[in-house]
mmCIF file of all heavy atoms, coordinates in Angstrom:
data_MODEL
# 
_entry.id   MODEL 
# 
loop_
_atom_site.group_PDB 
_atom_site.id 
_atom_site.type_symbol 
_atom_site.label_atom_id 
_atom_site.label_alt_id 
_atom_site.label_comp_id 
_atom_site.label_asym_id 
_atom_site.label_entity_id 
_atom_site.label_seq_id 
_atom_site.pdbx_PDB_ins_code 
_atom_site.Cartn_x 
_atom_site.Cartn_y 
_atom_site.Cartn_z 
_atom_site.occupancy 
_atom_site.B_iso_or_equiv 
_atom_site.pdbx_formal_charge 
_atom_site.auth_seq_id 
_atom_site.auth_comp_id 
_atom_site.auth_asym_id 
_atom_site.auth_atom_id 
_atom_site.pdbx_PDB_model_num 
ATOM 1   N N   . VAL A 1 1  ? -4.131 -5.685 -1.941  1.00 0.00 ? 1  VAL A N   1 
ATOM 2   C CA  . VAL A 1 1  ? -3.608 -4.496 -2.629  1.00 0.00 ? 1  VAL A CA  1 
ATOM 3   C C   . VAL A 1 1  ? -4.206 -3.241 -1.998  1.00 0.00 ? 1  VAL A C   1 
ATOM 4   O O   . VAL A 1 1  ? -3.480 -2.271 -1.717  1.00 0.00 ? 1  VAL A O   1 
ATOM 5   C CB  . VAL A 1 1  ? -3.897 -4.562 -4.156  1.00 0.00 ? 1  VAL A CB  1 
ATOM 6   C CG1 . VAL A 1 1  ? -3.650 -3.218 -4.820  1.00 0.00 ? 1  VAL A CG1 1 
ATOM 7   C CG2 . VAL A 1 1  ? -3.058 -5.653 -4.809  1.00 0.00 ? 1  VAL A CG2 1 
ATOM 8   N N   . ALA A 1 2  ? -5.509 -3.249 -1.749  1.00 0.00 ? 2  ALA A N   1 
ATOM 9   C CA  . ALA A 1 2  ? -6.166 -2.079 -1.145  1.00 0.00 ? 2  ALA A CA  1 
ATOM 10  C C   . ALA A 1 2  ? -5.623 -1.805 0.255   1.00 0.00 ? 2  ALA A C   1 
ATOM 11  O O   . ALA A 1 2  ? -5.356 -0.651 0.610   1.00 0.00 ? 2  ALA A O   1 
ATOM 12  C CB  . ALA A 1 2  ? -7.678 -2.292 -1.094  1.00 0.00 ? 2  ALA A CB  1 
ATOM 13  N N   . ASP A 1 3  ? -5.439 -2.863 1.066   1.00 0.00 ? 3  ASP A N   1 
ATOM 14  C CA  . ASP A 1 3  ? -4.916 -2.691 2.423   1.00 0.00 ? 3  ASP A CA  1 
ATOM 15  C C   . ASP A 1 3  ? -3.504 -2.120 2.403   1.00 0.00 ? 3  ASP A C   1 
ATOM 16  O O   . ASP A 1 3  ? -3.152 -1.269 3.217   1.00 0.00 ? 3  ASP A O   1 
ATOM 17  C CB  . ASP A 1 3  ? -4.918 -4.019 3.186   1.00 0.00 ? 3  ASP A CB  1 
ATOM 18  C CG  . ASP A 1 3  ? -6.321 -4.499 3.527   1.00 0.00 ? 3  ASP A CG  1 
ATOM 19  O OD1 . ASP A 1 3  ? -7.289 -3.724 3.384   1.00 0.00 ? 3  ASP A OD1 1 
ATOM 20  O OD2 . ASP A 1 3  ? -6.446 -5.676 3.933   1.00 0.00 ? 3  ASP A OD2 1 
ATOM 21  N N   . THR A 1 4  ? -2.699 -2.589 1.468   1.00 0.00 ? 4  THR A N   1 
ATOM 22  C CA  . THR A 1 4  ? -1.324 -2.106 1.367   1.00 0.00 ? 4  THR A CA  1 
ATOM 23  C C   . THR A 1 4  ? -1.296 -0.675 0.832   1.00 0.00 ? 4  THR A C   1 
ATOM 24  O O   . THR A 1 4  ? -0.542 0.170  1.326   1.00 0.00 ? 4  THR A O   1 
ATOM 25  C CB  . THR A 1 4  ? -0.485 -3.028 0.460   1.00 0.00 ? 4  THR A CB  1 
ATOM 26  O OG1 . THR A 1 4  ? -0.591 -4.366 0.946   1.00 0.00 ? 4  THR A OG1 1 
ATOM 27  C CG2 . THR A 1 4  ? 0.971  -2.619 0.441   1.00 0.00 ? 4  THR A CG2 1 
ATOM 28  N N   . THR A 1 5  ? -2.123 -0.394 -0.130  1.00 0.00 ? 5  THR A N   1 
ATOM 29  C CA  . THR A 1 5  ? -2.175 0.934  -0.725  1.00 0.00 ? 5  THR A CA  1 
ATOM 30  C C   . THR A 1 5  ? -2.684 1.980  0.268   1.00 0.00 ? 5  THR A C   1 
ATOM 31  O O   . THR A 1 5  ? -2.073 3.038  0.437   1.00 0.00 ? 5  THR A O   1 
ATOM 32  C CB  . THR A 1 5  ? -3.081 0.929  -1.974  1.00 0.00 ? 5  THR A CB  1 
ATOM 33  O OG1 . THR A 1 5  ? -2.566 -0.020 -2.908  1.00 0.00 ? 5  THR A OG1 1 
ATOM 34  C CG2 . THR A 1 5  ? -3.134 2.301  -2.624  1.00 0.00 ? 5  THR A CG2 1 
ATOM 35  N N   . ASN A 1 6  ? -3.781 1.658  0.938   1.00 0.00 ? 6  ASN A N   1 
ATOM 36  C CA  . ASN A 1 6  ? -4.466 2.638  1.788   1.00 0.00 ? 6  ASN A CA  1 
ATOM 37  C C   . ASN A 1 6  ? -4.162 2.513  3.276   1.00 0.00 ? 6  ASN A C   1 
ATOM 38  O O   . ASN A 1 6  ? -4.564 3.359  4.060   1.00 0.00 ? 6  ASN A O   1 
ATOM 39  C CB  . ASN A 1 6  ? -5.978 2.522  1.574   1.00 0.00 ? 6  ASN A CB  1 
ATOM 40  C CG  . ASN A 1 6  ? -6.344 2.703  0.125   1.00 0.00 ? 6  ASN A CG  1 
ATOM 41  O OD1 . ASN A 1 6  ? -5.853 3.596  -0.546  1.00 0.00 ? 6  ASN A OD1 1 
ATOM 42  N ND2 . ASN A 1 6  ? -7.197 1.831  -0.375  1.00 0.00 ? 6  ASN A ND2 1 
ATOM 43  N N   . GLY A 1 7  ? -3.485 1.443  3.655   1.00 0.00 ? 7  GLY A N   1 
ATOM 44  C CA  . GLY A 1 7  ? -3.227 1.182  5.065   1.00 0.00 ? 7  GLY A CA  1 
ATOM 45  C C   . GLY A 1 7  ? -4.423 0.493  5.706   1.00 0.00 ? 7  GLY A C   1 
ATOM 46  O O   . GLY A 1 7  ? -5.535 0.537  5.180   1.00 0.00 ? 7  GLY A O   1 
ATOM 47  N N   . LYS A 1 8  ? -4.168 -0.153 6.823   1.00 0.00 ? 8  LYS A N   1 
ATOM 48  C CA  . LYS A 1 8  ? -5.250 -0.826 7.544   1.00 0.00 ? 8  LYS A CA  1 
ATOM 49  C C   . LYS A 1 8  ? -4.822 -0.971 8.993   1.00 0.00 ? 8  LYS A C   1 
ATOM 50  O O   . LYS A 1 8  ? -3.734 -1.467 9.273   1.00 0.00 ? 8  LYS A O   1 
ATOM 51  C CB  . LYS A 1 8  ? -5.554 -2.194 6.948   1.00 0.00 ? 8  LYS A CB  1 
ATOM 52  C CG  . LYS A 1 8  ? -6.718 -2.884 7.622   1.00 0.00 ? 8  LYS A CG  1 
ATOM 53  C CD  . LYS A 1 8  ? -7.082 -4.173 6.954   1.00 0.00 ? 8  LYS A CD  1 
ATOM 54  C CE  . LYS A 1 8  ? -8.267 -4.786 7.683   1.00 0.00 ? 8  LYS A CE  1 
ATOM 55  N NZ  . LYS A 1 8  ? -8.674 -6.038 7.075   1.00 0.00 ? 8  LYS A NZ  1 
ATOM 56  N N   . GLY A 1 9  ? -5.667 -0.544 9.894   1.00 0.00 ? 9  GLY A N   1 
ATOM 57  C CA  . GLY A 1 9  ? -5.309 -0.605 11.304  1.00 0.00 ? 9  GLY A CA  1 
ATOM 58  C C   . GLY A 1 9  ? -4.042 0.193  11.551  1.00 0.00 ? 9  GLY A C   1 
ATOM 59  O O   . GLY A 1 9  ? -3.949 1.355  11.174  1.00 0.00 ? 9  GLY A O   1 
ATOM 60  N N   . LYS A 1 10 ? -3.057 -0.454 12.129  1.00 0.00 ? 10 LYS A N   1 
ATOM 61  C CA  . LYS A 1 10 ? -1.796 0.223  12.423  1.00 0.00 ? 10 LYS A CA  1 
ATOM 62  C C   . LYS A 1 10 ? -0.821 0.215  11.240  1.00 0.00 ? 10 LYS A C   1 
ATOM 63  O O   . LYS A 1 10 ? 0.227  0.844  11.296  1.00 0.00 ? 10 LYS A O   1 
ATOM 64  C CB  . LYS A 1 10 ? -1.139 -0.417 13.648  1.00 0.00 ? 10 LYS A CB  1 
ATOM 65  C CG  . LYS A 1 10 ? -1.962 -0.203 14.914  1.00 0.00 ? 10 LYS A CG  1 
ATOM 66  C CD  . LYS A 1 10 ? -1.304 -0.831 16.108  1.00 0.00 ? 10 LYS A CD  1 
ATOM 67  C CE  . LYS A 1 10 ? -2.179 -0.644 17.342  1.00 0.00 ? 10 LYS A CE  1 
ATOM 68  N NZ  . LYS A 1 10 ? -1.610 -1.249 18.535  1.00 0.00 ? 10 LYS A NZ  1 
ATOM 69  N N   . MET A 1 11 ? -1.175 -0.508 10.186  1.00 0.00 ? 11 MET A N   1 
ATOM 70  C CA  . MET A 1 11 ? -0.297 -0.558 9.016   1.00 0.00 ? 11 MET A CA  1 
ATOM 71  C C   . MET A 1 11 ? -0.446 0.739  8.221   1.00 0.00 ? 11 MET A C   1 
ATOM 72  O O   . MET A 1 11 ? -1.557 1.136  7.882   1.00 0.00 ? 11 MET A O   1 
ATOM 73  C CB  . MET A 1 11 ? -0.643 -1.740 8.121   1.00 0.00 ? 11 MET A CB  1 
ATOM 74  C CG  . MET A 1 11 ? 0.343  -1.900 6.976   1.00 0.00 ? 11 MET A CG  1 
ATOM 75  S SD  . MET A 1 11 ? 0.053  -3.385 6.035   1.00 0.00 ? 11 MET A SD  1 
ATOM 76  C CE  . MET A 1 11 ? -0.819 -2.696 4.650   1.00 0.00 ? 11 MET A CE  1 
ATOM 77  N N   . PRO A 1 12 ? 0.675  1.395  7.935   1.00 0.00 ? 12 PRO A N   1 
ATOM 78  C CA  . PRO A 1 12 ? 0.602  2.653  7.181   1.00 0.00 ? 12 PRO A CA  1 
ATOM 79  C C   . PRO A 1 12 ? 0.231  2.421  5.719   1.00 0.00 ? 12 PRO A C   1 
ATOM 80  O O   . PRO A 1 12 ? 0.402  1.320  5.187   1.00 0.00 ? 12 PRO A O   1 
ATOM 81  C CB  . PRO A 1 12 ? 2.020  3.212  7.289   1.00 0.00 ? 12 PRO A CB  1 
ATOM 82  C CG  . PRO A 1 12 ? 2.881  2.010  7.439   1.00 0.00 ? 12 PRO A CG  1 
ATOM 83  C CD  . PRO A 1 12 ? 2.055  1.027  8.245   1.00 0.00 ? 12 PRO A CD  1 
ATOM 84  N N   . ALA A 1 13 ? -0.263 3.446  5.090   1.00 0.00 ? 13 ALA A N   1 
ATOM 85  C CA  . ALA A 1 13 ? -0.557 3.411  3.657   1.00 0.00 ? 13 ALA A CA  1 
ATOM 86  C C   . ALA A 1 13 ? 0.753  3.501  2.879   1.00 0.00 ? 13 ALA A C   1 
ATOM 87  O O   . ALA A 1 13 ? 1.652  4.246  3.253   1.00 0.00 ? 13 ALA A O   1 
ATOM 88  C CB  . ALA A 1 13 ? -1.469 4.573  3.286   1.00 0.00 ? 13 ALA A CB  1 
ATOM 89  N N   . TYR A 1 14 ? 0.846  2.737  1.816   1.00 0.00 ? 14 TYR A N   1 
ATOM 90  C CA  . TYR A 1 14 ? 2.035  2.778  0.969   1.00 0.00 ? 14 TYR A CA  1 
ATOM 91  C C   . TYR A 1 14 ? 1.771  3.490  -0.353  1.00 0.00 ? 14 TYR A C   1 
ATOM 92  O O   . TYR A 1 14 ? 2.638  3.511  -1.222  1.00 0.00 ? 14 TYR A O   1 
ATOM 93  C CB  . TYR A 1 14 ? 2.579  1.366  0.739   1.00 0.00 ? 14 TYR A CB  1 
ATOM 94  C CG  . TYR A 1 14 ? 3.365  0.898  1.937   1.00 0.00 ? 14 TYR A CG  1 
ATOM 95  C CD1 . TYR A 1 14 ? 2.745  0.227  2.985   1.00 0.00 ? 14 TYR A CD1 1 
ATOM 96  C CD2 . TYR A 1 14 ? 4.711  1.181  2.053   1.00 0.00 ? 14 TYR A CD2 1 
ATOM 97  C CE1 . TYR A 1 14 ? 3.465  -0.167 4.098   1.00 0.00 ? 14 TYR A CE1 1 
ATOM 98  C CE2 . TYR A 1 14 ? 5.443  0.794  3.171   1.00 0.00 ? 14 TYR A CE2 1 
ATOM 99  C CZ  . TYR A 1 14 ? 4.801  0.127  4.179   1.00 0.00 ? 14 TYR A CZ  1 
ATOM 100 O OH  . TYR A 1 14 ? 5.518  -0.256 5.294   1.00 0.00 ? 14 TYR A OH  1 
ATOM 101 N N   . LYS A 1 15 ? 0.596  4.108  -0.473  1.00 0.00 ? 15 LYS A N   1 
ATOM 102 C CA  . LYS A 1 15 ? 0.291  4.900  -1.666  1.00 0.00 ? 15 LYS A CA  1 
ATOM 103 C C   . LYS A 1 15 ? 1.271  6.068  -1.708  1.00 0.00 ? 15 LYS A C   1 
ATOM 104 O O   . LYS A 1 15 ? 1.449  6.784  -0.727  1.00 0.00 ? 15 LYS A O   1 
ATOM 105 C CB  . LYS A 1 15 ? -1.136 5.420  -1.602  1.00 0.00 ? 15 LYS A CB  1 
ATOM 106 C CG  . LYS A 1 15 ? -1.563 6.163  -2.844  1.00 0.00 ? 15 LYS A CG  1 
ATOM 107 C CD  . LYS A 1 15 ? -3.023 6.549  -2.768  1.00 0.00 ? 15 LYS A CD  1 
ATOM 108 C CE  . LYS A 1 15 ? -3.465 7.101  -4.101  1.00 0.00 ? 15 LYS A CE  1 
ATOM 109 N NZ  . LYS A 1 15 ? -4.917 7.219  -4.170  1.00 0.00 ? 15 LYS A NZ  1 
ATOM 110 N N   . GLY A 1 16 ? 1.925  6.230  -2.835  1.00 0.00 ? 16 GLY A N   1 
ATOM 111 C CA  . GLY A 1 16 ? 2.917  7.291  -2.969  1.00 0.00 ? 16 GLY A CA  1 
ATOM 112 C C   . GLY A 1 16 ? 4.308  6.884  -2.492  1.00 0.00 ? 16 GLY A C   1 
ATOM 113 O O   . GLY A 1 16 ? 5.276  7.545  -2.794  1.00 0.00 ? 16 GLY A O   1 
ATOM 114 N N   . LYS A 1 17 ? 4.389  5.793  -1.717  1.00 0.00 ? 17 LYS A N   1 
ATOM 115 C CA  . LYS A 1 17 ? 5.689  5.285  -1.253  1.00 0.00 ? 17 LYS A CA  1 
ATOM 116 C C   . LYS A 1 17 ? 6.156  4.130  -2.133  1.00 0.00 ? 17 LYS A C   1 
ATOM 117 O O   . LYS A 1 17 ? 7.349  3.913  -2.304  1.00 0.00 ? 17 LYS A O   1 
ATOM 118 C CB  . LYS A 1 17 ? 5.587  4.816  0.192   1.00 0.00 ? 17 LYS A CB  1 
ATOM 119 C CG  . LYS A 1 17 ? 5.245  5.920  1.169   1.00 0.00 ? 17 LYS A CG  1 
ATOM 120 C CD  . LYS A 1 17 ? 5.055  5.376  2.560   1.00 0.00 ? 17 LYS A CD  1 
ATOM 121 C CE  . LYS A 1 17 ? 4.559  6.471  3.493   1.00 0.00 ? 17 LYS A CE  1 
ATOM 122 N NZ  . LYS A 1 17 ? 4.214  5.954  4.810   1.00 0.00 ? 17 LYS A NZ  1 
ATOM 123 N N   . LEU A 1 18 ? 5.180  3.360  -2.621  1.00 0.00 ? 18 LEU A N   1 
ATOM 124 C CA  . LEU A 1 18 ? 5.454  2.257  -3.536  1.00 0.00 ? 18 LEU A CA  1 
ATOM 125 C C   . LEU A 1 18 ? 4.573  2.441  -4.765  1.00 0.00 ? 18 LEU A C   1 
ATOM 126 O O   . LEU A 1 18 ? 3.429  2.886  -4.643  1.00 0.00 ? 18 LEU A O   1 
ATOM 127 C CB  . LEU A 1 18 ? 5.125  0.901  -2.896  1.00 0.00 ? 18 LEU A CB  1 
ATOM 128 C CG  . LEU A 1 18 ? 5.964  0.446  -1.720  1.00 0.00 ? 18 LEU A CG  1 
ATOM 129 C CD1 . LEU A 1 18 ? 5.413  -0.861 -1.150  1.00 0.00 ? 18 LEU A CD1 1 
ATOM 130 C CD2 . LEU A 1 18 ? 7.425  0.263  -2.119  1.00 0.00 ? 18 LEU A CD2 1 
ATOM 131 N N   . ALA A 1 19 ? 5.095  2.083  -5.922  1.00 0.00 ? 19 ALA A N   1 
ATOM 132 C CA  . ALA A 1 19 ? 4.301  2.119  -7.152  1.00 0.00 ? 19 ALA A CA  1 
ATOM 133 C C   . ALA A 1 19 ? 3.245  1.015  -7.097  1.00 0.00 ? 19 ALA A C   1 
ATOM 134 O O   . ALA A 1 19 ? 3.414  0.012  -6.388  1.00 0.00 ? 19 ALA A O   1 
ATOM 135 C CB  . ALA A 1 19 ? 5.203  1.923  -8.364  1.00 0.00 ? 19 ALA A CB  1 
ATOM 136 N N   . ASP A 1 20 ? 2.167  1.182  -7.836  1.00 0.00 ? 20 ASP A N   1 
ATOM 137 C CA  . ASP A 1 20 ? 1.117  0.164  -7.879  1.00 0.00 ? 20 ASP A CA  1 
ATOM 138 C C   . ASP A 1 20 ? 1.684  -1.202 -8.252  1.00 0.00 ? 20 ASP A C   1 
ATOM 139 O O   . ASP A 1 20 ? 1.301  -2.215 -7.677  1.00 0.00 ? 20 ASP A O   1 
ATOM 140 C CB  . ASP A 1 20 ? 0.017  0.556  -8.869  1.00 0.00 ? 20 ASP A CB  1 
ATOM 141 C CG  . ASP A 1 20 ? -0.790 1.761  -8.414  1.00 0.00 ? 20 ASP A CG  1 
ATOM 142 O OD1 . ASP A 1 20 ? -0.719 2.137  -7.223  1.00 0.00 ? 20 ASP A OD1 1 
ATOM 143 O OD2 . ASP A 1 20 ? -1.500 2.341  -9.262  1.00 0.00 ? 20 ASP A OD2 1 
ATOM 144 N N   . ALA A 1 21 ? 2.608  -1.222 -9.204  1.00 0.00 ? 21 ALA A N   1 
ATOM 145 C CA  . ALA A 1 21 ? 3.217  -2.488 -9.634  1.00 0.00 ? 21 ALA A CA  1 
ATOM 146 C C   . ALA A 1 21 ? 4.001  -3.124 -8.487  1.00 0.00 ? 21 ALA A C   1 
ATOM 147 O O   . ALA A 1 21 ? 3.966  -4.342 -8.313  1.00 0.00 ? 21 ALA A O   1 
ATOM 148 C CB  . ALA A 1 21 ? 4.126  -2.265 -10.840 1.00 0.00 ? 21 ALA A CB  1 
ATOM 149 N N   . GLN A 1 22 ? 4.696  -2.323 -7.693  1.00 0.00 ? 22 GLN A N   1 
ATOM 150 C CA  . GLN A 1 22 ? 5.446  -2.857 -6.548  1.00 0.00 ? 22 GLN A CA  1 
ATOM 151 C C   . GLN A 1 22 ? 4.508  -3.470 -5.517  1.00 0.00 ? 22 GLN A C   1 
ATOM 152 O O   . GLN A 1 22 ? 4.805  -4.516 -4.946  1.00 0.00 ? 22 GLN A O   1 
ATOM 153 C CB  . GLN A 1 22 ? 6.272  -1.760 -5.879  1.00 0.00 ? 22 GLN A CB  1 
ATOM 154 C CG  . GLN A 1 22 ? 7.464  -1.311 -6.676  1.00 0.00 ? 22 GLN A CG  1 
ATOM 155 C CD  . GLN A 1 22 ? 8.176  -0.170 -5.984  1.00 0.00 ? 22 GLN A CD  1 
ATOM 156 O OE1 . GLN A 1 22 ? 7.606  0.902  -5.796  1.00 0.00 ? 22 GLN A OE1 1 
ATOM 157 N NE2 . GLN A 1 22 ? 9.418  -0.408 -5.594  1.00 0.00 ? 22 GLN A NE2 1 
ATOM 158 N N   . ILE A 1 23 ? 3.389  -2.823 -5.275  1.00 0.00 ? 23 ILE A N   1 
ATOM 159 C CA  . ILE A 1 23 ? 2.429  -3.353 -4.311  1.00 0.00 ? 23 ILE A CA  1 
ATOM 160 C C   . ILE A 1 23 ? 1.890  -4.690 -4.799  1.00 0.00 ? 23 ILE A C   1 
ATOM 161 O O   . ILE A 1 23 ? 1.807  -5.659 -4.027  1.00 0.00 ? 23 ILE A O   1 
ATOM 162 C CB  . ILE A 1 23 ? 1.291  -2.337 -4.056  1.00 0.00 ? 23 ILE A CB  1 
ATOM 163 C CG1 . ILE A 1 23 ? 1.856  -1.123 -3.307  1.00 0.00 ? 23 ILE A CG1 1 
ATOM 164 C CG2 . ILE A 1 23 ? 0.134  -2.982 -3.286  1.00 0.00 ? 23 ILE A CG2 1 
ATOM 165 C CD1 . ILE A 1 23 ? 0.903  0.037  -3.160  1.00 0.00 ? 23 ILE A CD1 1 
ATOM 166 N N   . LYS A 1 24 ? 1.567  -4.790 -6.069  1.00 0.00 ? 24 LYS A N   1 
ATOM 167 C CA  . LYS A 1 24 ? 1.083  -6.058 -6.634  1.00 0.00 ? 24 LYS A CA  1 
ATOM 168 C C   . LYS A 1 24 ? 2.156  -7.138 -6.549  1.00 0.00 ? 24 LYS A C   1 
ATOM 169 O O   . LYS A 1 24 ? 1.854  -8.301 -6.291  1.00 0.00 ? 24 LYS A O   1 
ATOM 170 C CB  . LYS A 1 24 ? 0.601  -5.865 -8.064  1.00 0.00 ? 24 LYS A CB  1 
ATOM 171 C CG  . LYS A 1 24 ? -0.695 -5.086 -8.124  1.00 0.00 ? 24 LYS A CG  1 
ATOM 172 C CD  . LYS A 1 24 ? -1.162 -4.890 -9.545  1.00 0.00 ? 24 LYS A CD  1 
ATOM 173 C CE  . LYS A 1 24 ? -2.448 -4.088 -9.556  1.00 0.00 ? 24 LYS A CE  1 
ATOM 174 N NZ  . LYS A 1 24 ? -2.943 -3.867 -10.900 1.00 0.00 ? 24 LYS A NZ  1 
ATOM 175 N N   . GLU A 1 25 ? 3.407  -6.761 -6.758  1.00 0.00 ? 25 GLU A N   1 
ATOM 176 C CA  . GLU A 1 25 ? 4.510  -7.718 -6.657  1.00 0.00 ? 25 GLU A CA  1 
ATOM 177 C C   . GLU A 1 25 ? 4.662  -8.219 -5.226  1.00 0.00 ? 25 GLU A C   1 
ATOM 178 O O   . GLU A 1 25 ? 4.916  -9.406 -5.000  1.00 0.00 ? 25 GLU A O   1 
ATOM 179 C CB  . GLU A 1 25 ? 5.817  -7.077 -7.133  1.00 0.00 ? 25 GLU A CB  1 
ATOM 180 C CG  . GLU A 1 25 ? 5.850  -6.816 -8.623  1.00 0.00 ? 25 GLU A CG  1 
ATOM 181 C CD  . GLU A 1 25 ? 7.013  -5.934 -9.054  1.00 0.00 ? 25 GLU A CD  1 
ATOM 182 O OE1 . GLU A 1 25 ? 7.812  -5.494 -8.203  1.00 0.00 ? 25 GLU A OE1 1 
ATOM 183 O OE2 . GLU A 1 25 ? 7.119  -5.672 -10.263 1.00 0.00 ? 25 GLU A OE2 1 
# 
């Protein structure tokens, strides 16, 4: 969840692009 929310390496952050519930899903 943290990696998806904040990004990691070349993966962009999805904070503000996806809701917290979507990231958990």
